[in-house]
Protein backbone atom coordinates (compact mmCIF):
# COMPACT_ATOMS: atom_id res chain seq x y z
CA MET A 1 53.68 74.41 98.39
CA ASN A 2 57.20 73.01 98.66
CA SER A 3 57.63 70.05 96.31
CA ALA A 4 59.18 67.98 99.08
CA GLN A 5 56.13 68.17 101.27
CA SER A 6 53.80 65.19 101.34
CA LEU A 7 50.05 65.55 101.04
CA ARG A 8 48.00 63.54 103.44
CA LEU A 9 45.48 64.65 106.01
CA GLY A 10 44.72 61.19 107.34
CA HIS A 11 42.85 60.80 110.61
CA ARG A 12 43.35 63.64 113.07
CA PRO A 13 41.88 62.56 116.45
CA ALA A 14 41.54 66.16 117.66
CA LEU A 15 39.00 66.78 114.90
CA ASP A 16 36.79 64.14 116.52
CA GLY A 17 37.06 66.16 119.72
CA LEU A 18 35.88 69.24 117.84
CA ARG A 19 32.91 67.29 116.49
CA ALA A 20 32.04 66.32 120.05
CA ILE A 21 32.02 69.96 121.15
CA ALA A 22 29.77 70.84 118.21
CA VAL A 23 27.19 68.11 118.80
CA LEU A 24 27.10 68.62 122.58
CA ALA A 25 26.56 72.35 122.09
CA VAL A 26 23.59 71.64 119.82
CA LEU A 27 22.08 69.03 122.14
CA PHE A 28 22.40 71.28 125.20
CA ASN A 29 20.86 74.13 123.19
CA HIS A 30 17.79 72.10 122.27
CA ALA A 31 17.34 70.57 125.72
CA TRP A 32 17.04 74.14 127.02
CA ALA A 33 14.75 75.10 124.09
CA GLU A 34 17.35 77.61 122.87
CA GLN A 35 17.16 79.56 126.13
CA PRO A 36 19.92 80.68 128.54
CA PRO A 37 22.38 79.42 129.65
CA PHE A 38 22.77 77.46 126.40
CA ALA A 39 21.09 79.85 123.97
CA GLY A 40 24.29 80.09 121.92
CA GLY A 41 24.54 76.35 121.34
CA GLN A 42 23.48 76.72 117.72
CA ILE A 43 27.08 77.66 116.95
CA GLY A 44 27.66 73.91 117.02
CA VAL A 45 26.04 73.81 113.57
CA ASP A 46 28.53 76.40 112.32
CA ILE A 47 31.41 74.31 113.67
CA PHE A 48 30.06 71.33 111.73
CA PHE A 49 29.75 73.48 108.60
CA VAL A 50 33.34 74.74 108.79
CA LEU A 51 34.68 71.27 109.51
CA SER A 52 32.68 69.73 106.66
CA GLY A 53 33.90 72.34 104.19
CA PHE A 54 37.48 71.80 105.35
CA LEU A 55 37.42 68.01 105.09
CA ILE A 56 35.64 67.72 101.75
CA THR A 57 37.87 70.35 100.14
CA THR A 58 40.99 68.66 101.52
CA LEU A 59 39.91 65.28 100.13
CA ILE A 60 39.25 66.75 96.71
CA VAL A 61 42.60 68.56 96.64
CA GLU A 62 44.46 65.43 97.74
CA GLU A 63 42.72 63.29 95.14
CA HIS A 64 43.34 65.84 92.41
CA ARG A 65 47.02 66.12 93.29
CA ALA A 66 47.41 62.35 93.58
CA SER A 67 45.87 61.37 90.25
CA GLY A 68 45.21 64.56 88.29
CA ARG A 69 41.47 64.03 88.43
CA VAL A 70 38.53 63.59 90.80
CA ARG A 71 35.97 60.87 90.22
CA LEU A 72 32.74 62.69 91.01
CA ARG A 73 30.60 59.57 90.75
CA ASN A 74 32.73 57.89 93.40
CA PHE A 75 32.84 61.06 95.49
CA TYR A 76 29.05 61.20 95.63
CA GLY A 77 28.86 57.44 96.18
CA ARG A 78 31.02 57.72 99.29
CA ARG A 79 29.00 60.71 100.45
CA GLY A 80 25.76 58.77 100.01
CA LEU A 81 27.03 55.84 102.09
CA ARG A 82 27.95 58.27 104.85
CA ILE A 83 24.74 60.30 104.93
CA LEU A 84 21.76 58.35 103.64
CA PRO A 85 21.46 55.08 105.63
CA VAL A 86 21.16 56.71 109.07
CA LEU A 87 19.01 59.54 107.70
CA VAL A 88 16.49 57.14 106.16
CA VAL A 89 16.15 55.20 109.41
CA VAL A 90 15.83 58.38 111.49
CA VAL A 91 13.08 59.69 109.17
CA CYS A 92 11.13 56.43 109.54
CA VAL A 93 11.51 56.37 113.34
CA ALA A 94 10.59 60.06 113.59
CA GLU A 95 7.39 59.41 111.65
CA LEU A 96 6.55 56.52 113.99
CA LEU A 97 7.23 58.57 117.14
CA ALA A 98 5.24 61.53 115.85
CA THR A 99 2.32 59.22 115.05
CA LEU A 100 2.40 57.52 118.47
CA ILE A 101 3.03 60.42 120.85
CA GLY A 102 3.04 63.64 118.83
CA SER A 103 0.40 66.34 118.79
CA PRO A 104 -1.66 66.76 115.62
CA ALA A 105 0.52 69.74 114.66
CA SER A 106 3.81 67.88 115.17
CA ARG A 107 2.49 64.86 113.24
CA ALA A 108 1.57 67.09 110.32
CA ASP A 109 4.90 68.93 110.46
CA THR A 110 6.90 65.69 110.63
CA LEU A 111 4.99 64.20 107.72
CA ARG A 112 5.62 67.35 105.70
CA ALA A 113 9.33 67.42 106.61
CA ALA A 114 10.08 63.77 105.77
CA PRO A 115 10.33 64.12 101.96
CA GLU A 116 12.05 67.49 102.39
CA ALA A 117 14.69 65.86 104.61
CA LEU A 118 15.30 63.01 102.16
CA LEU A 119 15.50 65.42 99.22
CA PHE A 120 17.70 67.85 101.19
CA VAL A 121 15.48 70.91 100.80
CA GLN A 122 14.06 71.24 104.33
CA ASN A 123 15.95 74.47 105.03
CA TRP A 124 13.97 76.28 102.34
CA ASP A 125 10.66 75.38 103.99
CA LEU A 126 11.94 76.99 107.19
CA ALA A 127 13.36 79.99 105.32
CA LEU A 128 10.14 80.68 103.42
CA HIS A 129 7.86 80.38 106.45
CA GLN A 130 9.61 82.80 108.75
CA GLY A 131 8.92 82.33 112.42
CA VAL A 132 6.74 79.24 111.96
CA PRO A 133 8.14 76.19 113.84
CA LEU A 134 7.94 73.68 111.01
CA GLY A 135 9.64 70.30 110.84
CA GLY A 136 8.20 68.52 113.85
CA TYR A 137 10.53 65.69 114.82
CA LEU A 138 12.70 66.37 111.76
CA GLY A 139 13.18 70.13 111.99
CA HIS A 140 16.93 69.73 112.53
CA THR A 141 17.52 68.25 109.07
CA TRP A 142 17.71 71.79 107.66
CA SER A 143 21.48 71.85 108.29
CA LEU A 144 21.98 68.61 106.38
CA SER A 145 19.97 70.10 103.52
CA ILE A 146 22.30 73.11 103.28
CA GLU A 147 25.37 70.86 103.34
CA GLU A 148 24.14 68.55 100.60
CA GLN A 149 23.03 71.44 98.37
CA PHE A 150 26.50 72.87 98.82
CA TYR A 151 28.14 69.55 97.92
CA VAL A 152 26.24 69.38 94.66
CA VAL A 153 27.91 72.62 93.53
CA TRP A 154 31.25 73.09 95.33
CA PRO A 155 33.16 69.98 94.14
CA ILE A 156 32.42 70.84 90.52
CA VAL A 157 33.44 74.48 91.04
CA LEU A 158 36.59 73.51 92.93
CA ILE A 159 37.71 70.98 90.34
CA GLY A 160 37.28 73.63 87.65
CA LEU A 161 39.31 76.16 89.65
CA LEU A 162 42.09 73.65 90.29
CA ARG A 163 42.32 72.73 86.62
CA ILE A 164 42.23 76.30 85.37
CA ARG A 165 44.44 78.23 87.80
CA GLY A 166 45.44 76.02 90.74
CA ILE A 167 45.13 76.14 94.51
CA VAL A 168 46.11 79.76 95.12
CA PHE A 169 43.42 80.98 92.74
CA ALA A 170 40.88 78.58 94.28
CA LEU A 171 41.81 79.97 97.71
CA LYS A 172 41.16 83.54 96.58
CA VAL A 173 37.82 82.58 95.05
CA SER A 174 36.68 80.71 98.15
CA ILE A 175 37.57 83.66 100.39
CA ALA A 176 35.72 86.03 98.06
CA LEU A 177 32.64 83.80 98.00
CA ALA A 178 32.64 83.38 101.78
CA PHE A 179 32.94 87.15 102.22
CA ALA A 180 30.15 87.75 99.68
CA GLY A 181 27.81 85.36 101.48
CA GLN A 182 28.45 86.95 104.85
CA LEU A 183 28.09 90.44 103.39
CA LEU A 184 24.76 89.40 101.89
CA SER A 185 23.66 88.22 105.34
CA VAL A 186 24.57 91.55 106.91
CA LEU A 187 22.90 93.62 104.17
CA MET A 188 19.71 91.55 104.29
CA SER A 189 19.59 91.90 108.08
CA LEU A 190 20.10 95.65 107.86
CA ARG A 191 17.31 95.90 105.27
CA GLY A 192 14.90 94.16 107.63
CA THR A 193 14.76 90.75 105.95
CA ALA A 194 13.25 88.19 108.31
CA SER A 195 15.95 86.61 110.45
CA TYR A 196 14.61 83.14 109.70
CA PHE A 197 15.21 83.61 105.99
CA VAL A 198 18.75 84.89 106.51
CA TYR A 199 19.53 82.01 108.85
CA PHE A 200 18.07 79.13 106.84
CA ALA A 201 18.73 80.21 103.24
CA THR A 202 21.59 78.40 101.53
CA PRO A 203 23.38 81.42 99.97
CA THR A 204 23.65 83.15 103.35
CA HIS A 205 24.21 80.49 106.02
CA GLY A 206 25.82 78.14 103.51
CA SER A 207 28.68 80.59 103.11
CA VAL A 208 29.98 79.35 106.49
CA LEU A 209 30.98 76.14 104.68
CA LEU A 210 33.20 78.25 102.43
CA VAL A 211 35.18 79.37 105.48
CA GLY A 212 36.17 75.74 105.93
CA CYS A 213 36.91 75.39 102.21
CA ALA A 214 39.21 78.41 102.32
CA LEU A 215 40.99 77.02 105.38
CA ALA A 216 41.55 73.71 103.59
CA LEU A 217 43.14 75.45 100.62
CA LEU A 218 45.18 77.59 102.99
CA TRP A 219 46.42 74.47 104.78
CA ALA A 220 47.18 72.76 101.48
CA GLU A 221 49.50 75.64 100.64
CA ARG A 222 51.10 75.47 104.10
CA ARG A 223 50.93 79.21 104.79
CA PRO A 224 51.63 79.70 108.51
CA SER A 225 51.57 83.48 108.25
CA LEU A 226 48.00 83.31 106.97
CA SER A 227 47.14 80.83 109.74
CA LYS A 228 48.21 83.44 112.29
CA LEU A 229 46.22 86.08 110.43
CA THR A 230 43.15 83.85 110.62
CA ALA A 231 43.56 83.56 114.39
CA VAL A 232 43.75 87.34 114.73
CA ALA A 233 40.72 87.81 112.47
CA ALA A 234 38.74 85.32 114.57
CA SER A 235 39.48 87.27 117.75
CA VAL A 236 38.51 90.57 116.14
CA PHE A 237 35.26 89.23 114.70
CA MET A 238 34.33 87.61 118.01
CA ALA A 239 34.83 90.92 119.83
CA LEU A 240 32.73 92.74 117.22
CA ALA A 241 30.02 90.10 117.39
CA LEU A 242 29.69 90.40 121.14
CA MET A 243 29.50 94.18 120.90
CA VAL A 244 27.00 94.35 118.03
CA ALA A 245 24.41 91.64 118.75
CA PRO A 246 24.05 88.27 120.49
CA THR A 247 22.69 86.66 117.33
CA GLY A 248 23.02 87.29 113.62
CA PRO A 249 25.62 87.20 110.84
CA LEU A 250 28.55 88.59 112.87
CA PRO A 251 28.39 85.99 115.66
CA GLU A 252 27.92 83.33 113.00
CA LEU A 253 31.08 84.44 111.21
CA ALA A 254 32.94 84.76 114.51
CA ALA A 255 32.03 81.19 115.42
CA ALA A 256 33.14 80.01 111.97
CA LEU A 257 36.52 81.73 112.21
CA CYS A 258 37.14 80.46 115.74
CA ALA A 259 36.23 76.95 114.60
CA GLY A 260 38.70 77.44 111.76
CA VAL A 261 41.49 78.29 114.20
CA LEU A 262 40.75 75.13 116.20
CA ILE A 263 40.78 73.07 113.00
CA LEU A 264 44.16 74.47 111.96
CA ARG A 265 45.56 73.73 115.41
CA ALA A 266 44.16 70.20 115.28
CA VAL A 267 45.59 69.32 111.87
CA GLU A 268 48.94 70.76 112.87
CA GLY A 269 48.97 68.59 116.01
CA ARG A 270 48.74 71.53 118.43
CA ALA A 271 45.20 71.09 119.77
CA GLY A 272 45.65 69.13 122.99
CA GLY A 273 43.39 69.53 126.02
CA LEU A 274 39.68 68.99 125.53
CA LEU A 275 39.91 68.30 121.78
CA ASP A 276 42.33 65.42 122.33
CA ASN A 277 40.44 63.91 125.26
CA ARG A 278 39.61 60.21 124.79
CA VAL A 279 35.96 60.58 125.81
CA MET A 280 35.48 63.57 123.49
CA ARG A 281 37.06 61.68 120.61
CA TRP A 282 34.69 58.75 121.24
CA ILE A 283 31.68 61.08 121.18
CA GLY A 284 32.98 62.84 118.09
CA ARG A 285 33.15 59.62 116.09
CA ARG A 286 29.43 59.19 116.77
CA SER A 287 28.50 62.84 116.35
CA TYR A 288 26.57 62.45 113.09
CA GLY A 289 24.27 59.86 114.63
CA MET A 290 24.00 61.86 117.86
CA TYR A 291 22.93 64.93 115.89
CA LEU A 292 20.24 63.12 113.91
CA TRP A 293 18.95 60.86 116.70
CA GLY A 294 19.48 63.36 119.51
CA LEU A 295 17.23 66.09 118.19
CA THR A 296 14.49 63.65 117.19
CA ILE A 297 14.70 62.22 120.73
CA ASP A 298 14.52 65.75 122.15
CA ALA A 299 11.36 66.46 120.14
CA ALA A 300 9.83 63.23 121.45
CA VAL A 301 10.80 64.03 125.07
CA ALA A 302 9.32 67.50 124.69
CA GLY A 303 6.24 65.90 123.11
CA ILE A 304 5.50 63.88 126.25
CA GLY A 305 5.48 67.06 128.32
CA VAL A 306 9.05 67.43 129.64
CA GLY A 307 9.89 71.11 129.68
CA PRO A 308 13.26 72.65 128.87
CA GLY A 309 16.03 72.36 131.41
CA LEU A 310 18.11 69.88 133.35
CA LEU A 311 15.56 67.04 133.42
CA ARG A 312 15.13 67.16 129.65
CA LEU A 313 18.90 67.14 129.17
CA ALA A 314 19.20 64.22 131.62
CA LEU A 315 16.83 62.27 129.37
CA ASP A 316 18.10 63.54 126.01
CA LEU A 317 21.83 63.01 126.43
CA PRO A 318 22.04 59.36 127.57
CA LEU A 319 19.34 58.34 125.09
CA ALA A 320 21.15 60.12 122.25
CA ILE A 321 24.46 58.49 123.16
CA ALA A 322 22.92 55.02 123.51
CA VAL A 323 20.87 55.13 120.31
CA ALA A 324 23.68 56.74 118.29
CA SER A 325 26.11 54.08 119.52
CA LEU A 326 23.79 51.30 118.36
CA SER A 327 23.27 53.14 115.10
CA PHE A 328 27.03 53.48 114.67
CA VAL A 329 27.52 49.72 114.98
CA LEU A 330 24.41 48.49 113.18
CA ILE A 331 24.02 51.06 110.40
CA GLU A 332 26.98 53.38 109.89
CA ARG A 333 29.85 50.89 110.05
CA PRO A 334 28.31 48.26 107.72
CA PHE A 335 27.58 50.85 105.04
CA LEU A 336 30.91 52.64 105.43
CA SER A 337 32.63 49.30 104.88
CA LEU A 338 31.31 49.49 101.31
CA LYS A 339 33.26 52.67 100.52
CA HIS A 340 35.94 50.60 98.77
CA ARG A 341 33.45 50.24 95.91
CA PHE A 342 33.88 53.97 95.26
CA PRO A 343 37.67 54.42 95.26
CA ALA A 344 39.21 57.87 95.10
CA GLY A 345 41.80 58.89 92.55
CA GLY A 346 44.21 56.56 90.85
CA SER A 347 45.75 53.33 92.05
CA GLY A 348 47.09 54.90 95.25
CA GLY A 349 44.00 56.91 96.15
CA VAL A 350 44.00 59.89 98.44
CA HIS A 351 45.06 57.81 101.42
CA SER A 352 48.53 57.34 100.00
CA THR A 353 51.29 59.79 100.83
CA VAL A 354 51.92 61.70 97.66
CA THR A 355 54.78 64.05 96.86
CA ALA A 356 53.75 66.78 94.46
CA SER A 357 55.98 68.01 91.68
CA ALA A 358 56.52 71.73 91.31
CA GLY A 359 54.08 71.86 88.40
CA ALA A 360 51.48 69.87 90.32
CA ALA A 361 51.81 72.20 93.29
CA ARG A 362 51.04 75.21 91.15
CA ALA A 363 48.18 73.68 89.19
CA GLY A 364 46.73 71.53 91.96
CA GLY A 365 47.16 68.41 89.84
């Protein structure tokens, strides 16, 4: 990276628009019980994965370049304030709803999923019981489990890579790991491994997060030629995915690469259109709550006998927006206001505009 370039991601409104697309895709998918015309809505999870990998990696790189170190205790403290308060409340409400209106099976599944959700291991229950609809009103917490497992490992690995060889080396490693995870998915599918295991296991589906990590390191190095290459790769993989199968590792990778292209356009200020729409940005800022509350609400609506389709969506969507908005004001904002207790980096933190020296640019510090 040029030593004159400043390092600061800051708030990019178009990324909120991308979050909105992701959460709406998931909510539409579940309201239709994963059936046409919204059967492909699960790609919203992959968009979240890529975006999460991108943002966390960018924050770590910025902090490392700003101060020469990353305070892991503070990093995990900030992460906890973001994730845990809403999750704990959703788990409690889900248990109450399942007890009041759920079937015996959904009550048992929700009770079983509650500790798994809070310990971030729910994806493994789904992976190891292929084809069995476990989780009850908390079945959607599998994606959060994969993310948090990933965040236990990746920051430590990334910090080590930055200290040893710098950003370019970290970029190569992240690309190699992402490729390895996707290759493992393809090989397991070809060998007849149950699709549920491939989809829910952390080493396979979790590799989508590494696509976002690689994009963050690519952006940190400001490599426009590689950005164009990523766009071409996304188009090629999408075409292959549509030709090979409607579901599976290739469509998953295609969705991840396309999400990566949108992220790069957003951070470079070239998104526009739907991503920069005011309503979409508003939804995107509440997307975490909408994801957690929305799918628990959907399970409750289904539990009272509303079948998949337009009526279920007409109930799900306004309820999800209303409850997530209250949650945003009453739970998320108060806890996020405590993030100053876990400052990042040195005196300036990662929110300062920092100019890297030539040595810092090479070594990431």
